[in-house]
C-alpha cells in the first residue's frame, strides 16, 4: 500500500475543474428552476423545430430505464463520484474543460434527481423529434466530446 501525503494529494487537484463544474451546476439549477415555473402550463416555441417544453425523466439518457428510478439514482451517483475522483486530477488544457463540463453536468443531474420526489430529472429543451434534454445534458455531451478530442490528439488527460 502506497501512502501519499495529504499535501501531495491536494497539490494534484485541478481547482479549475471544480470552478467549471460549479458554474455548470449553478447554470443548470437556475435553468431548471426557471423551466419548472415558466413552462409548467405551456410550452414555448423558440423557432423552427426548437421548443422549450417541460418534461420529467425518471430514467437515464434518452429516457432509458424509467421503471427503476431508485436503481438509476444509485448508479448515477456512483458514476458521478467516480468521474469526480478521476477528473479532479485532470491535466491543464482540454482535459480540464472536458472534465469540468462532465462533472458539472453529472453532478447537476444527480442533485436534480435526488431533490425531486419521485427521483427524476427536469428536461425542457426539445429539438424536433430528438428526446427532450437539459443544460446539464449539453455539458455532459460537450465534456465527453472535448475529452475524446483531447485523447485522439494525444493529449494526456491526467496529471
N, C-alpha and C. Protein backbone atom coordinates (compact mmCIF):
# COMPACT_ATOMS: atom_id res chain seq x y z
N UNK A 1 0.84 -1.18 0.00
CA UNK A 1 0.00 0.00 0.00
C UNK A 1 0.88 1.24 0.00
N UNK A 2 0.58 2.15 -0.91
CA UNK A 2 1.37 3.37 -1.05
C UNK A 2 0.65 4.52 -0.34
N UNK A 3 1.32 5.11 0.61
CA UNK A 3 0.73 6.24 1.32
C UNK A 3 1.27 7.53 0.73
N UNK A 4 0.38 8.43 0.39
CA UNK A 4 0.75 9.71 -0.19
C UNK A 4 0.34 10.80 0.79
N UNK A 5 1.23 11.78 0.98
CA UNK A 5 0.93 12.84 1.94
C UNK A 5 -0.29 13.64 1.49
N UNK A 6 -0.98 14.19 2.48
CA UNK A 6 -2.18 14.99 2.20
C UNK A 6 -1.83 16.19 1.32
N UNK A 7 -0.69 16.85 1.59
CA UNK A 7 -0.27 18.00 0.79
C UNK A 7 -0.06 17.60 -0.66
N UNK A 8 0.53 16.45 -0.90
CA UNK A 8 0.77 15.99 -2.27
C UNK A 8 -0.55 15.69 -2.98
N UNK A 9 -1.50 15.15 -2.26
CA UNK A 9 -2.82 14.90 -2.85
C UNK A 9 -3.52 16.20 -3.21
N UNK A 10 -3.44 17.19 -2.31
CA UNK A 10 -4.07 18.48 -2.55
C UNK A 10 -3.40 19.18 -3.73
N UNK A 11 -2.08 19.05 -3.85
CA UNK A 11 -1.36 19.67 -4.97
C UNK A 11 -1.77 19.07 -6.31
N UNK A 12 -2.25 17.85 -6.33
CA UNK A 12 -2.65 17.19 -7.57
C UNK A 12 -4.05 17.61 -8.03
N UNK A 13 -4.82 18.22 -7.17
CA UNK A 13 -6.19 18.60 -7.53
C UNK A 13 -6.17 19.78 -8.48
N UNK A 14 -6.92 19.66 -9.57
CA UNK A 14 -7.05 20.74 -10.55
C UNK A 14 -8.28 21.56 -10.15
N UNK A 15 -8.03 22.70 -9.52
CA UNK A 15 -9.13 23.51 -8.99
C UNK A 15 -9.95 24.17 -10.10
N UNK A 16 -9.39 24.32 -11.28
CA UNK A 16 -10.14 24.87 -12.41
C UNK A 16 -11.28 23.94 -12.79
N UNK A 17 -11.07 22.64 -12.68
CA UNK A 17 -12.13 21.66 -12.94
C UNK A 17 -13.29 21.92 -11.98
N UNK A 18 -12.98 22.17 -10.73
CA UNK A 18 -14.02 22.43 -9.72
C UNK A 18 -14.79 23.70 -10.07
N UNK A 19 -14.09 24.75 -10.47
CA UNK A 19 -14.76 26.02 -10.82
C UNK A 19 -15.70 25.82 -12.00
N UNK A 20 -15.22 25.16 -13.06
CA UNK A 20 -16.06 24.91 -14.24
C UNK A 20 -17.27 24.08 -13.83
N UNK A 21 -17.05 23.05 -13.04
CA UNK A 21 -18.15 22.18 -12.60
C UNK A 21 -19.18 22.95 -11.78
N UNK A 22 -18.73 23.83 -10.90
CA UNK A 22 -19.65 24.62 -10.08
C UNK A 22 -20.47 25.60 -10.93
N UNK A 23 -19.83 26.21 -11.92
CA UNK A 23 -20.54 27.13 -12.82
C UNK A 23 -21.61 26.37 -13.61
N UNK A 24 -21.25 25.21 -14.15
CA UNK A 24 -22.21 24.39 -14.91
C UNK A 24 -23.36 23.96 -14.01
N UNK A 25 -23.06 23.51 -12.81
CA UNK A 25 -24.09 23.05 -11.87
C UNK A 25 -25.04 24.20 -11.52
N UNK A 26 -24.50 25.38 -11.27
CA UNK A 26 -25.33 26.54 -10.93
C UNK A 26 -26.20 26.96 -12.11
N UNK A 27 -25.62 27.01 -13.31
CA UNK A 27 -26.39 27.40 -14.50
C UNK A 27 -27.51 26.40 -14.77
N UNK A 28 -27.21 25.13 -14.59
CA UNK A 28 -28.24 24.11 -14.80
C UNK A 28 -29.35 24.24 -13.77
N UNK A 29 -28.99 24.43 -12.52
CA UNK A 29 -30.01 24.56 -11.46
C UNK A 29 -30.91 25.77 -11.72
N UNK A 30 -30.32 26.88 -12.10
CA UNK A 30 -31.12 28.08 -12.38
C UNK A 30 -32.03 27.86 -13.59
N UNK A 31 -31.51 27.21 -14.64
CA UNK A 31 -32.33 26.96 -15.82
C UNK A 31 -33.49 26.02 -15.51
N UNK A 32 -33.28 25.04 -14.64
CA UNK A 32 -34.34 24.11 -14.26
C UNK A 32 -35.38 24.77 -13.37
N UNK A 33 -34.95 25.65 -12.48
CA UNK A 33 -35.90 26.41 -11.66
C UNK A 33 -36.79 27.25 -12.57
N UNK A 34 -36.16 27.94 -13.53
CA UNK A 34 -36.93 28.74 -14.49
C UNK A 34 -37.91 27.85 -15.26
N UNK A 35 -37.43 26.72 -15.78
CA UNK A 35 -38.27 25.84 -16.60
C UNK A 35 -39.47 25.31 -15.81
N UNK A 36 -39.24 24.90 -14.56
CA UNK A 36 -40.34 24.35 -13.76
C UNK A 36 -41.44 25.39 -13.50
N UNK A 37 -41.08 26.67 -13.49
CA UNK A 37 -42.08 27.72 -13.26
C UNK A 37 -42.65 28.25 -14.59
N UNK A 38 -41.80 28.60 -15.52
CA UNK A 38 -42.25 29.24 -16.76
C UNK A 38 -42.93 28.28 -17.73
N UNK A 39 -42.58 27.01 -17.66
CA UNK A 39 -43.10 26.05 -18.63
C UNK A 39 -44.14 25.09 -18.03
N UNK A 40 -44.54 25.35 -16.81
CA UNK A 40 -45.46 24.44 -16.12
C UNK A 40 -46.79 24.29 -16.84
N UNK A 41 -47.31 25.37 -17.39
CA UNK A 41 -48.64 25.30 -18.00
C UNK A 41 -48.62 25.31 -19.53
N UNK A 42 -47.48 25.67 -20.13
CA UNK A 42 -47.43 25.71 -21.58
C UNK A 42 -45.99 25.65 -22.09
N UNK A 43 -45.83 25.16 -23.32
CA UNK A 43 -44.53 25.12 -23.99
C UNK A 43 -44.29 26.46 -24.71
N UNK A 44 -43.03 26.74 -24.98
CA UNK A 44 -42.67 27.96 -25.71
C UNK A 44 -41.98 27.55 -27.01
N UNK A 45 -42.49 28.03 -28.13
CA UNK A 45 -41.87 27.76 -29.43
C UNK A 45 -40.78 28.80 -29.65
N UNK A 46 -39.53 28.34 -29.75
CA UNK A 46 -38.41 29.25 -29.93
C UNK A 46 -38.25 29.60 -31.41
N UNK A 47 -38.44 28.62 -32.27
CA UNK A 47 -38.30 28.82 -33.71
C UNK A 47 -37.94 27.51 -34.38
N UNK A 48 -38.39 27.33 -35.62
CA UNK A 48 -38.11 26.09 -36.33
C UNK A 48 -38.63 24.91 -35.53
N UNK A 49 -37.77 23.93 -35.34
CA UNK A 49 -38.15 22.75 -34.56
C UNK A 49 -37.74 22.81 -33.11
N UNK A 50 -37.42 24.01 -32.62
CA UNK A 50 -36.93 24.17 -31.25
C UNK A 50 -38.06 24.63 -30.34
N UNK A 51 -38.29 23.86 -29.29
CA UNK A 51 -39.32 24.16 -28.30
C UNK A 51 -38.72 24.09 -26.91
N UNK A 52 -39.26 24.85 -25.99
CA UNK A 52 -38.97 24.70 -24.57
C UNK A 52 -40.23 24.09 -23.98
N UNK A 53 -40.12 22.83 -23.55
CA UNK A 53 -41.28 22.06 -23.10
C UNK A 53 -40.88 21.26 -21.85
N UNK A 54 -41.59 21.48 -20.77
CA UNK A 54 -41.27 20.82 -19.50
C UNK A 54 -41.60 19.33 -19.54
N UNK A 55 -40.64 18.55 -19.11
CA UNK A 55 -40.81 17.09 -19.07
C UNK A 55 -39.91 16.56 -17.96
N UNK A 56 -40.32 15.47 -17.34
CA UNK A 56 -39.52 14.86 -16.28
C UNK A 56 -39.08 13.47 -16.72
N UNK A 57 -37.85 13.11 -16.36
CA UNK A 57 -37.27 11.85 -16.80
C UNK A 57 -36.80 11.07 -15.58
N UNK A 58 -37.44 9.95 -15.31
CA UNK A 58 -37.02 9.11 -14.18
C UNK A 58 -35.95 8.12 -14.59
N UNK A 59 -35.65 8.06 -15.88
CA UNK A 59 -34.62 7.15 -16.39
C UNK A 59 -33.31 7.88 -16.57
N UNK A 60 -32.51 7.34 -17.49
CA UNK A 60 -31.24 7.97 -17.82
C UNK A 60 -31.36 8.56 -19.22
N UNK A 61 -30.27 8.82 -19.88
CA UNK A 61 -30.29 9.44 -21.21
C UNK A 61 -31.30 8.76 -22.13
N UNK A 62 -31.98 9.59 -22.90
CA UNK A 62 -33.00 9.13 -23.86
C UNK A 62 -34.12 8.36 -23.18
N UNK A 63 -34.35 8.62 -21.90
CA UNK A 63 -35.43 8.02 -21.12
C UNK A 63 -35.31 6.51 -20.94
N UNK A 64 -34.12 5.96 -21.07
CA UNK A 64 -33.93 4.52 -20.81
C UNK A 64 -34.10 4.24 -19.33
N UNK A 65 -34.59 3.06 -19.00
CA UNK A 65 -34.71 2.57 -17.63
C UNK A 65 -35.60 3.45 -16.76
N UNK A 66 -36.74 3.86 -17.25
CA UNK A 66 -37.64 4.72 -16.49
C UNK A 66 -38.36 4.00 -15.36
N UNK A 67 -38.44 2.69 -15.41
CA UNK A 67 -39.22 1.96 -14.41
C UNK A 67 -38.44 1.69 -13.13
N UNK A 68 -37.15 1.84 -13.15
CA UNK A 68 -36.33 1.55 -11.96
C UNK A 68 -35.58 2.80 -11.52
N UNK A 69 -36.31 3.80 -11.04
CA UNK A 69 -35.71 5.09 -10.72
C UNK A 69 -34.73 5.00 -9.54
N UNK A 70 -34.98 4.13 -8.57
CA UNK A 70 -34.05 4.00 -7.44
C UNK A 70 -32.72 3.43 -7.91
N UNK A 71 -32.76 2.40 -8.75
CA UNK A 71 -31.54 1.82 -9.31
C UNK A 71 -30.81 2.85 -10.16
N UNK A 72 -31.55 3.58 -10.96
CA UNK A 72 -30.95 4.62 -11.79
C UNK A 72 -30.27 5.67 -10.93
N UNK A 73 -30.91 6.08 -9.85
CA UNK A 73 -30.34 7.07 -8.95
C UNK A 73 -29.04 6.56 -8.34
N UNK A 74 -29.02 5.33 -7.87
CA UNK A 74 -27.81 4.75 -7.26
C UNK A 74 -26.68 4.68 -8.27
N UNK A 75 -26.97 4.19 -9.46
CA UNK A 75 -25.94 4.06 -10.50
C UNK A 75 -25.40 5.42 -10.90
N UNK A 76 -26.27 6.42 -11.08
CA UNK A 76 -25.79 7.75 -11.48
C UNK A 76 -24.93 8.39 -10.39
N UNK A 77 -25.26 8.19 -9.14
CA UNK A 77 -24.45 8.73 -8.05
C UNK A 77 -23.07 8.07 -8.04
N UNK A 78 -23.01 6.76 -8.21
CA UNK A 78 -21.73 6.04 -8.23
C UNK A 78 -20.87 6.50 -9.41
N UNK A 79 -21.47 6.60 -10.59
CA UNK A 79 -20.74 7.04 -11.77
C UNK A 79 -20.24 8.48 -11.58
N UNK A 80 -21.10 9.36 -11.06
CA UNK A 80 -20.69 10.75 -10.83
C UNK A 80 -19.51 10.83 -9.86
N UNK A 81 -19.55 10.05 -8.80
CA UNK A 81 -18.45 10.05 -7.83
C UNK A 81 -17.15 9.55 -8.46
N UNK A 82 -17.25 8.54 -9.30
CA UNK A 82 -16.06 8.00 -9.98
C UNK A 82 -15.46 9.05 -10.93
N UNK A 83 -16.31 9.73 -11.68
CA UNK A 83 -15.82 10.76 -12.61
C UNK A 83 -15.19 11.91 -11.84
N UNK A 84 -15.78 12.30 -10.71
CA UNK A 84 -15.20 13.36 -9.88
C UNK A 84 -13.82 12.93 -9.38
N UNK A 85 -13.70 11.71 -8.88
CA UNK A 85 -12.42 11.22 -8.35
C UNK A 85 -11.32 11.25 -9.41
N UNK A 86 -11.66 10.89 -10.62
CA UNK A 86 -10.68 10.89 -11.71
C UNK A 86 -10.47 12.31 -12.23
N UNK A 87 -11.56 13.03 -12.46
CA UNK A 87 -11.49 14.35 -13.09
C UNK A 87 -10.76 15.40 -12.31
N UNK A 88 -10.72 15.29 -11.00
CA UNK A 88 -10.01 16.29 -10.20
C UNK A 88 -8.50 16.26 -10.42
N UNK A 89 -8.03 15.20 -11.08
CA UNK A 89 -6.60 15.09 -11.39
C UNK A 89 -6.31 15.41 -12.86
N UNK A 90 -7.23 16.10 -13.51
CA UNK A 90 -7.08 16.42 -14.94
C UNK A 90 -5.88 17.32 -15.18
N UNK A 91 -5.21 17.09 -16.29
CA UNK A 91 -4.13 17.97 -16.73
C UNK A 91 -4.72 19.27 -17.23
N UNK A 92 -3.92 20.31 -17.24
CA UNK A 92 -4.34 21.61 -17.79
C UNK A 92 -4.61 21.44 -19.29
N UNK A 93 -5.53 22.24 -19.81
CA UNK A 93 -5.84 22.20 -21.24
C UNK A 93 -7.22 21.65 -21.48
N UNK A 94 -7.40 20.94 -22.59
CA UNK A 94 -8.71 20.41 -22.95
C UNK A 94 -9.26 19.47 -21.88
N UNK A 95 -8.38 18.72 -21.24
CA UNK A 95 -8.84 17.78 -20.20
C UNK A 95 -9.52 18.52 -19.06
N UNK A 96 -9.00 19.67 -18.69
CA UNK A 96 -9.61 20.48 -17.63
C UNK A 96 -11.03 20.89 -18.00
N UNK A 97 -11.18 21.39 -19.21
CA UNK A 97 -12.51 21.82 -19.67
C UNK A 97 -13.44 20.61 -19.78
N UNK A 98 -12.95 19.53 -20.39
CA UNK A 98 -13.77 18.34 -20.57
C UNK A 98 -14.26 17.76 -19.26
N UNK A 99 -13.35 17.57 -18.31
CA UNK A 99 -13.76 17.02 -17.02
C UNK A 99 -14.65 17.99 -16.25
N UNK A 100 -14.38 19.29 -16.34
CA UNK A 100 -15.23 20.28 -15.67
C UNK A 100 -16.66 20.23 -16.17
N UNK A 101 -16.82 20.16 -17.49
CA UNK A 101 -18.16 20.06 -18.08
C UNK A 101 -18.83 18.75 -17.70
N UNK A 102 -18.09 17.66 -17.80
CA UNK A 102 -18.63 16.33 -17.50
C UNK A 102 -19.06 16.23 -16.03
N UNK A 103 -18.21 16.69 -15.14
CA UNK A 103 -18.53 16.63 -13.70
C UNK A 103 -19.69 17.58 -13.38
N UNK A 104 -19.65 18.80 -13.90
CA UNK A 104 -20.72 19.76 -13.63
C UNK A 104 -22.07 19.26 -14.09
N UNK A 105 -22.12 18.73 -15.30
CA UNK A 105 -23.38 18.19 -15.82
C UNK A 105 -23.86 16.99 -15.04
N UNK A 106 -22.93 16.10 -14.72
CA UNK A 106 -23.30 14.91 -13.96
C UNK A 106 -23.80 15.24 -12.57
N UNK A 107 -23.08 16.10 -11.88
CA UNK A 107 -23.48 16.49 -10.53
C UNK A 107 -24.82 17.23 -10.57
N UNK A 108 -25.00 18.09 -11.57
CA UNK A 108 -26.26 18.84 -11.68
C UNK A 108 -27.45 17.90 -11.83
N UNK A 109 -27.31 16.89 -12.68
CA UNK A 109 -28.42 15.95 -12.86
C UNK A 109 -28.64 15.08 -11.62
N UNK A 110 -27.57 14.72 -10.94
CA UNK A 110 -27.71 13.93 -9.71
C UNK A 110 -28.42 14.76 -8.64
N UNK A 111 -28.02 16.02 -8.48
CA UNK A 111 -28.67 16.89 -7.49
C UNK A 111 -30.15 17.06 -7.83
N UNK A 112 -30.45 17.28 -9.10
CA UNK A 112 -31.85 17.43 -9.53
C UNK A 112 -32.63 16.15 -9.23
N UNK A 113 -32.05 15.01 -9.54
CA UNK A 113 -32.72 13.72 -9.32
C UNK A 113 -32.94 13.46 -7.83
N UNK A 114 -31.93 13.75 -7.00
CA UNK A 114 -32.04 13.48 -5.56
C UNK A 114 -33.01 14.45 -4.87
N UNK A 115 -33.14 15.67 -5.41
CA UNK A 115 -34.02 16.65 -4.76
C UNK A 115 -35.48 16.49 -5.17
N UNK A 116 -35.74 15.71 -6.19
CA UNK A 116 -37.12 15.51 -6.66
C UNK A 116 -37.73 14.28 -6.00
N UNK A 117 -39.05 14.32 -5.85
CA UNK A 117 -39.76 13.15 -5.33
C UNK A 117 -40.99 12.94 -6.20
N UNK A 118 -41.05 11.91 -7.02
CA UNK A 118 -40.09 10.82 -7.15
C UNK A 118 -38.80 11.30 -7.83
N UNK A 119 -37.76 10.46 -7.75
CA UNK A 119 -36.44 10.80 -8.27
C UNK A 119 -36.46 10.88 -9.79
N UNK A 120 -36.47 12.11 -10.29
CA UNK A 120 -36.46 12.33 -11.74
C UNK A 120 -35.73 13.62 -12.06
N UNK A 121 -35.30 13.73 -13.32
CA UNK A 121 -34.55 14.89 -13.79
C UNK A 121 -35.48 15.79 -14.61
N UNK A 122 -35.32 17.09 -14.45
CA UNK A 122 -36.10 18.07 -15.20
C UNK A 122 -35.47 18.28 -16.57
N UNK A 123 -36.23 18.05 -17.63
CA UNK A 123 -35.80 18.29 -19.00
C UNK A 123 -36.72 19.32 -19.62
N UNK A 124 -36.20 20.13 -20.55
CA UNK A 124 -37.07 21.16 -21.13
C UNK A 124 -36.64 21.64 -22.51
N UNK A 125 -35.55 21.18 -23.06
CA UNK A 125 -35.12 21.62 -24.39
C UNK A 125 -35.51 20.53 -25.39
N UNK A 126 -36.35 20.90 -26.36
CA UNK A 126 -36.84 19.94 -27.35
C UNK A 126 -36.40 20.38 -28.74
N UNK A 127 -35.72 19.50 -29.44
CA UNK A 127 -35.28 19.75 -30.82
C UNK A 127 -35.93 18.72 -31.72
N UNK A 128 -36.97 19.11 -32.40
CA UNK A 128 -37.66 18.19 -33.31
C UNK A 128 -38.12 16.94 -32.59
N UNK A 129 -37.80 15.79 -33.16
CA UNK A 129 -38.22 14.52 -32.56
C UNK A 129 -37.15 13.94 -31.63
N UNK A 130 -36.05 14.67 -31.42
CA UNK A 130 -34.99 14.23 -30.51
C UNK A 130 -35.53 14.25 -29.08
N UNK A 131 -35.10 13.31 -28.23
CA UNK A 131 -35.58 13.32 -26.83
C UNK A 131 -35.28 14.66 -26.14
N UNK A 132 -36.19 15.07 -25.27
CA UNK A 132 -36.06 16.33 -24.54
C UNK A 132 -34.87 16.22 -23.57
N UNK A 133 -34.12 17.31 -23.43
CA UNK A 133 -32.92 17.29 -22.60
C UNK A 133 -32.79 18.59 -21.83
N UNK A 134 -31.67 18.77 -21.11
CA UNK A 134 -31.46 19.97 -20.31
C UNK A 134 -30.03 20.48 -20.47
N UNK A 135 -29.71 21.58 -19.79
CA UNK A 135 -28.38 22.18 -19.89
C UNK A 135 -27.29 21.22 -19.40
N UNK A 136 -27.56 20.46 -18.35
CA UNK A 136 -26.58 19.51 -17.82
C UNK A 136 -26.25 18.45 -18.87
N UNK A 137 -27.26 18.00 -19.61
CA UNK A 137 -27.03 17.01 -20.67
C UNK A 137 -26.12 17.57 -21.76
N UNK A 138 -26.32 18.85 -22.09
CA UNK A 138 -25.46 19.51 -23.08
C UNK A 138 -24.02 19.55 -22.56
N UNK A 139 -23.84 19.89 -21.28
CA UNK A 139 -22.50 19.95 -20.69
C UNK A 139 -21.84 18.58 -20.68
N UNK A 140 -22.59 17.54 -20.34
CA UNK A 140 -22.04 16.18 -20.32
C UNK A 140 -21.57 15.78 -21.72
N UNK A 141 -22.41 16.04 -22.72
CA UNK A 141 -22.05 15.70 -24.10
C UNK A 141 -20.84 16.49 -24.57
N UNK A 142 -20.83 17.79 -24.30
CA UNK A 142 -19.69 18.64 -24.69
C UNK A 142 -18.42 18.21 -23.96
N UNK A 143 -18.54 17.84 -22.69
CA UNK A 143 -17.38 17.37 -21.93
C UNK A 143 -16.83 16.08 -22.49
N UNK A 144 -17.71 15.15 -22.83
CA UNK A 144 -17.28 13.88 -23.40
C UNK A 144 -16.58 14.11 -24.74
N UNK A 145 -17.15 14.94 -25.60
CA UNK A 145 -16.55 15.22 -26.90
C UNK A 145 -15.19 15.91 -26.72
N UNK A 146 -15.10 16.84 -25.79
CA UNK A 146 -13.84 17.53 -25.52
C UNK A 146 -12.76 16.54 -25.05
N UNK A 147 -13.13 15.62 -24.16
CA UNK A 147 -12.17 14.61 -23.69
C UNK A 147 -11.78 13.66 -24.83
N UNK A 148 -12.73 13.33 -25.68
CA UNK A 148 -12.44 12.46 -26.82
C UNK A 148 -11.46 13.14 -27.78
N UNK A 149 -11.69 14.41 -28.08
CA UNK A 149 -10.78 15.16 -28.95
C UNK A 149 -9.39 15.23 -28.31
N UNK A 150 -9.33 15.51 -27.03
CA UNK A 150 -8.04 15.59 -26.33
C UNK A 150 -7.30 14.25 -26.42
N UNK A 151 -8.01 13.16 -26.19
CA UNK A 151 -7.39 11.84 -26.23
C UNK A 151 -6.92 11.50 -27.65
N UNK A 152 -7.75 11.82 -28.65
CA UNK A 152 -7.42 11.49 -30.04
C UNK A 152 -6.25 12.33 -30.57
N UNK A 153 -6.04 13.52 -29.99
CA UNK A 153 -4.92 14.35 -30.42
C UNK A 153 -3.66 14.08 -29.59
N UNK A 154 -3.72 13.09 -28.73
CA UNK A 154 -2.55 12.67 -27.97
C UNK A 154 -2.31 13.41 -26.67
N UNK A 155 -3.24 14.26 -26.27
CA UNK A 155 -3.09 14.99 -25.01
C UNK A 155 -3.27 14.04 -23.83
N UNK A 156 -2.36 14.13 -22.86
CA UNK A 156 -2.54 13.34 -21.64
C UNK A 156 -3.66 13.95 -20.83
N UNK A 157 -4.57 13.11 -20.35
CA UNK A 157 -5.74 13.61 -19.65
C UNK A 157 -5.51 13.84 -18.16
N UNK A 158 -4.67 13.01 -17.55
CA UNK A 158 -4.49 13.09 -16.09
C UNK A 158 -3.08 13.47 -15.72
N UNK A 159 -2.96 14.19 -14.60
CA UNK A 159 -1.65 14.60 -14.08
C UNK A 159 -0.97 13.44 -13.40
